[in-house]
Amino acid sequence: MPEIKSRYIGINDKFVVIGSDGVWEFLSNQDVAEVVLPFYKINQPESAANAIVKAAHSRWREEEEVVDDITAVVIFMEPIMAY
């Protein structure tokens, strides 16, 4: 069952990460933010998504023999988008 949340985007919001359960099984929100932030600074959302997938895959391999599906989408926010 998908988890759905809604939230107003504020001026301090920098990015949105949409991830399958394979991302969140072994990575916390803080872990993901730490992976994304360097890519945010150089405006590379696709590289950020790839880095999340690699980090999640690495954690899965440490904990399990089988790796679940891992999908990540990263959207960088512009301050003008906040209302």
N, C-alpha and C. Protein backbone atom coordinates (compact mmCIF):
# COMPACT_ATOMS: atom_id res chain seq x y z
N MET A 1 0.84 -1.18 0.00
CA MET A 1 0.00 0.00 0.00
C MET A 1 0.89 1.25 0.00
N PRO A 2 0.74 2.12 -0.98
CA PRO A 2 1.58 3.32 -1.02
C PRO A 2 1.29 4.26 0.14
N GLU A 3 2.32 4.94 0.58
CA GLU A 3 2.17 5.94 1.62
C GLU A 3 2.08 7.30 0.93
N ILE A 4 1.03 8.04 1.24
CA ILE A 4 0.81 9.34 0.59
C ILE A 4 0.80 10.41 1.66
N LYS A 5 1.57 11.46 1.41
CA LYS A 5 1.62 12.60 2.32
C LYS A 5 1.48 13.87 1.50
N SER A 6 0.90 14.89 2.10
CA SER A 6 0.85 16.18 1.44
C SER A 6 1.47 17.22 2.35
N ARG A 7 2.01 18.26 1.74
CA ARG A 7 2.70 19.28 2.51
C ARG A 7 2.82 20.53 1.64
N TYR A 8 2.70 21.69 2.26
CA TYR A 8 2.95 22.93 1.55
C TYR A 8 4.45 23.13 1.41
N ILE A 9 4.85 23.57 0.25
CA ILE A 9 6.26 23.81 -0.01
C ILE A 9 6.59 25.23 0.46
N GLY A 10 7.64 25.32 1.26
CA GLY A 10 8.06 26.60 1.80
C GLY A 10 9.35 27.09 1.18
N ILE A 11 9.73 28.29 1.50
CA ILE A 11 10.92 28.92 0.95
C ILE A 11 12.19 28.17 1.34
N ASN A 12 12.18 27.44 2.45
CA ASN A 12 13.35 26.71 2.91
C ASN A 12 13.46 25.29 2.36
N ASP A 13 12.44 24.84 1.64
CA ASP A 13 12.48 23.50 1.06
C ASP A 13 13.39 23.51 -0.16
N LYS A 14 14.34 22.60 -0.19
CA LYS A 14 15.36 22.58 -1.24
C LYS A 14 15.11 21.52 -2.31
N PHE A 15 14.58 20.37 -1.89
CA PHE A 15 14.36 19.29 -2.85
C PHE A 15 13.29 18.33 -2.35
N VAL A 16 12.78 17.54 -3.29
CA VAL A 16 11.82 16.49 -3.00
C VAL A 16 12.42 15.19 -3.50
N VAL A 17 12.32 14.15 -2.69
CA VAL A 17 12.79 12.82 -3.10
C VAL A 17 11.58 11.89 -3.06
N ILE A 18 11.31 11.28 -4.18
CA ILE A 18 10.27 10.25 -4.26
C ILE A 18 11.01 8.93 -4.44
N GLY A 19 10.79 8.02 -3.52
CA GLY A 19 11.52 6.77 -3.59
C GLY A 19 10.65 5.56 -3.32
N SER A 20 10.99 4.47 -3.95
CA SER A 20 10.30 3.21 -3.67
C SER A 20 10.72 2.70 -2.29
N ASP A 21 10.03 1.67 -1.83
CA ASP A 21 10.36 1.14 -0.50
C ASP A 21 11.79 0.60 -0.43
N GLY A 22 12.38 0.29 -1.57
CA GLY A 22 13.77 -0.16 -1.60
C GLY A 22 14.74 0.92 -1.15
N VAL A 23 14.34 2.18 -1.30
CA VAL A 23 15.17 3.29 -0.82
C VAL A 23 15.04 3.40 0.70
N TRP A 24 13.81 3.37 1.19
CA TRP A 24 13.55 3.71 2.59
C TRP A 24 13.73 2.54 3.55
N GLU A 25 13.94 1.35 3.03
CA GLU A 25 14.10 0.18 3.92
C GLU A 25 15.31 0.34 4.84
N PHE A 26 16.43 0.82 4.31
CA PHE A 26 17.64 0.93 5.11
C PHE A 26 18.23 2.34 5.15
N LEU A 27 17.62 3.30 4.45
CA LEU A 27 18.09 4.68 4.49
C LEU A 27 17.04 5.55 5.18
N SER A 28 17.50 6.38 6.10
CA SER A 28 16.59 7.31 6.78
C SER A 28 16.45 8.58 5.94
N ASN A 29 15.52 9.44 6.32
CA ASN A 29 15.39 10.74 5.66
C ASN A 29 16.71 11.50 5.73
N GLN A 30 17.36 11.45 6.90
CA GLN A 30 18.63 12.15 7.08
C GLN A 30 19.71 11.58 6.16
N ASP A 31 19.77 10.25 6.05
CA ASP A 31 20.74 9.62 5.15
C ASP A 31 20.55 10.13 3.72
N VAL A 32 19.30 10.14 3.28
CA VAL A 32 19.00 10.56 1.91
C VAL A 32 19.35 12.04 1.72
N ALA A 33 19.00 12.87 2.68
CA ALA A 33 19.33 14.30 2.58
C ALA A 33 20.83 14.51 2.47
N GLU A 34 21.60 13.75 3.23
CA GLU A 34 23.06 13.87 3.17
C GLU A 34 23.62 13.43 1.82
N VAL A 35 22.97 12.46 1.20
CA VAL A 35 23.39 12.03 -0.14
C VAL A 35 23.06 13.11 -1.17
N VAL A 36 21.88 13.71 -1.06
CA VAL A 36 21.40 14.66 -2.07
C VAL A 36 22.08 16.02 -1.99
N LEU A 37 22.34 16.52 -0.81
CA LEU A 37 22.80 17.90 -0.63
C LEU A 37 24.00 18.29 -1.50
N PRO A 38 25.06 17.48 -1.60
CA PRO A 38 26.17 17.90 -2.47
C PRO A 38 25.76 18.07 -3.93
N PHE A 39 24.82 17.26 -4.39
CA PHE A 39 24.35 17.36 -5.77
C PHE A 39 23.43 18.56 -5.95
N TYR A 40 22.70 18.92 -4.89
CA TYR A 40 21.87 20.13 -4.93
C TYR A 40 22.75 21.35 -5.15
N LYS A 41 23.87 21.38 -4.47
CA LYS A 41 24.78 22.53 -4.55
C LYS A 41 25.35 22.73 -5.95
N ILE A 42 25.42 21.65 -6.75
CA ILE A 42 25.94 21.76 -8.11
C ILE A 42 24.85 21.50 -9.17
N ASN A 43 23.60 21.51 -8.72
CA ASN A 43 22.43 21.39 -9.60
C ASN A 43 22.47 20.15 -10.49
N GLN A 44 22.61 18.97 -9.86
CA GLN A 44 22.62 17.71 -10.59
C GLN A 44 21.62 16.72 -9.99
N PRO A 45 20.33 16.93 -10.23
CA PRO A 45 19.32 16.05 -9.62
C PRO A 45 19.41 14.60 -10.09
N GLU A 46 19.75 14.38 -11.35
CA GLU A 46 19.86 13.00 -11.84
C GLU A 46 20.99 12.26 -11.14
N SER A 47 22.11 12.95 -10.94
CA SER A 47 23.22 12.35 -10.21
C SER A 47 22.84 12.07 -8.76
N ALA A 48 22.04 12.95 -8.18
CA ALA A 48 21.56 12.73 -6.81
C ALA A 48 20.71 11.47 -6.73
N ALA A 49 19.81 11.30 -7.70
CA ALA A 49 18.96 10.10 -7.72
C ALA A 49 19.81 8.84 -7.87
N ASN A 50 20.80 8.90 -8.75
CA ASN A 50 21.69 7.75 -8.94
C ASN A 50 22.46 7.43 -7.66
N ALA A 51 22.91 8.47 -6.97
CA ALA A 51 23.65 8.26 -5.72
C ALA A 51 22.77 7.64 -4.64
N ILE A 52 21.50 8.03 -4.59
CA ILE A 52 20.56 7.42 -3.64
C ILE A 52 20.41 5.94 -3.93
N VAL A 53 20.22 5.61 -5.20
CA VAL A 53 20.07 4.20 -5.58
C VAL A 53 21.31 3.40 -5.21
N LYS A 54 22.49 3.95 -5.46
CA LYS A 54 23.73 3.26 -5.11
C LYS A 54 23.86 3.08 -3.60
N ALA A 55 23.52 4.12 -2.84
CA ALA A 55 23.61 4.03 -1.37
C ALA A 55 22.63 2.99 -0.84
N ALA A 56 21.40 3.00 -1.37
CA ALA A 56 20.40 2.04 -0.92
C ALA A 56 20.83 0.61 -1.28
N HIS A 57 21.34 0.43 -2.49
CA HIS A 57 21.80 -0.89 -2.90
C HIS A 57 22.92 -1.39 -1.99
N SER A 58 23.84 -0.52 -1.68
CA SER A 58 24.95 -0.89 -0.79
C SER A 58 24.43 -1.33 0.58
N ARG A 59 23.48 -0.58 1.13
CA ARG A 59 22.92 -0.94 2.44
C ARG A 59 22.17 -2.26 2.38
N TRP A 60 21.42 -2.47 1.29
CA TRP A 60 20.71 -3.74 1.14
C TRP A 60 21.70 -4.90 1.16
N ARG A 61 22.80 -4.76 0.41
CA ARG A 61 23.78 -5.84 0.32
C ARG A 61 24.43 -6.12 1.67
N GLU A 62 24.55 -5.10 2.52
CA GLU A 62 25.11 -5.29 3.86
C GLU A 62 24.16 -6.08 4.76
N GLU A 63 22.85 -5.91 4.54
CA GLU A 63 21.84 -6.46 5.44
C GLU A 63 21.16 -7.73 4.93
N GLU A 64 21.04 -7.87 3.62
CA GLU A 64 20.25 -8.96 3.04
C GLU A 64 20.99 -9.59 1.86
N GLU A 65 20.58 -10.80 1.50
CA GLU A 65 21.13 -11.43 0.30
C GLU A 65 20.37 -10.99 -0.95
N VAL A 66 19.10 -10.69 -0.79
CA VAL A 66 18.25 -10.27 -1.90
C VAL A 66 18.02 -8.78 -1.79
N VAL A 67 18.07 -8.08 -2.94
CA VAL A 67 17.86 -6.64 -2.97
C VAL A 67 16.50 -6.36 -3.58
N ASP A 68 15.70 -5.55 -2.90
CA ASP A 68 14.38 -5.14 -3.40
C ASP A 68 14.56 -4.12 -4.52
N ASP A 69 13.45 -3.82 -5.20
CA ASP A 69 13.53 -2.77 -6.23
C ASP A 69 13.89 -1.44 -5.57
N ILE A 70 14.71 -0.67 -6.26
CA ILE A 70 15.17 0.62 -5.74
C ILE A 70 14.97 1.66 -6.84
N THR A 71 14.08 2.59 -6.59
CA THR A 71 13.79 3.65 -7.54
C THR A 71 13.80 4.98 -6.80
N ALA A 72 14.43 5.99 -7.38
CA ALA A 72 14.46 7.32 -6.76
C ALA A 72 14.29 8.40 -7.82
N VAL A 73 13.49 9.38 -7.49
CA VAL A 73 13.30 10.57 -8.31
C VAL A 73 13.63 11.76 -7.42
N VAL A 74 14.46 12.67 -7.91
CA VAL A 74 14.85 13.84 -7.14
C VAL A 74 14.43 15.09 -7.92
N ILE A 75 13.75 15.99 -7.22
CA ILE A 75 13.31 17.25 -7.81
C ILE A 75 13.92 18.37 -6.98
N PHE A 76 14.68 19.23 -7.62
CA PHE A 76 15.24 20.40 -6.93
C PHE A 76 14.24 21.54 -7.02
N MET A 77 14.04 22.22 -5.90
CA MET A 77 13.06 23.30 -5.82
C MET A 77 13.75 24.65 -6.04
N GLU A 78 13.03 25.54 -6.66
CA GLU A 78 13.47 26.92 -6.82
C GLU A 78 12.67 27.77 -5.85
N PRO A 79 13.28 28.75 -5.21
CA PRO A 79 12.53 29.58 -4.24
C PRO A 79 11.26 30.20 -4.84
N ILE A 80 11.27 30.50 -6.12
CA ILE A 80 10.11 31.10 -6.78
C ILE A 80 8.90 30.15 -6.77
N MET A 81 9.15 28.83 -6.59
CA MET A 81 8.07 27.85 -6.61
C MET A 81 7.29 27.85 -5.30
N ALA A 82 7.84 28.41 -4.24
CA ALA A 82 7.18 28.41 -2.92
C ALA A 82 6.11 29.49 -2.87
N TYR A 83 4.97 29.14 -2.33
CA TYR A 83 3.89 30.11 -2.16
C TYR A 83 3.47 30.15 -0.72
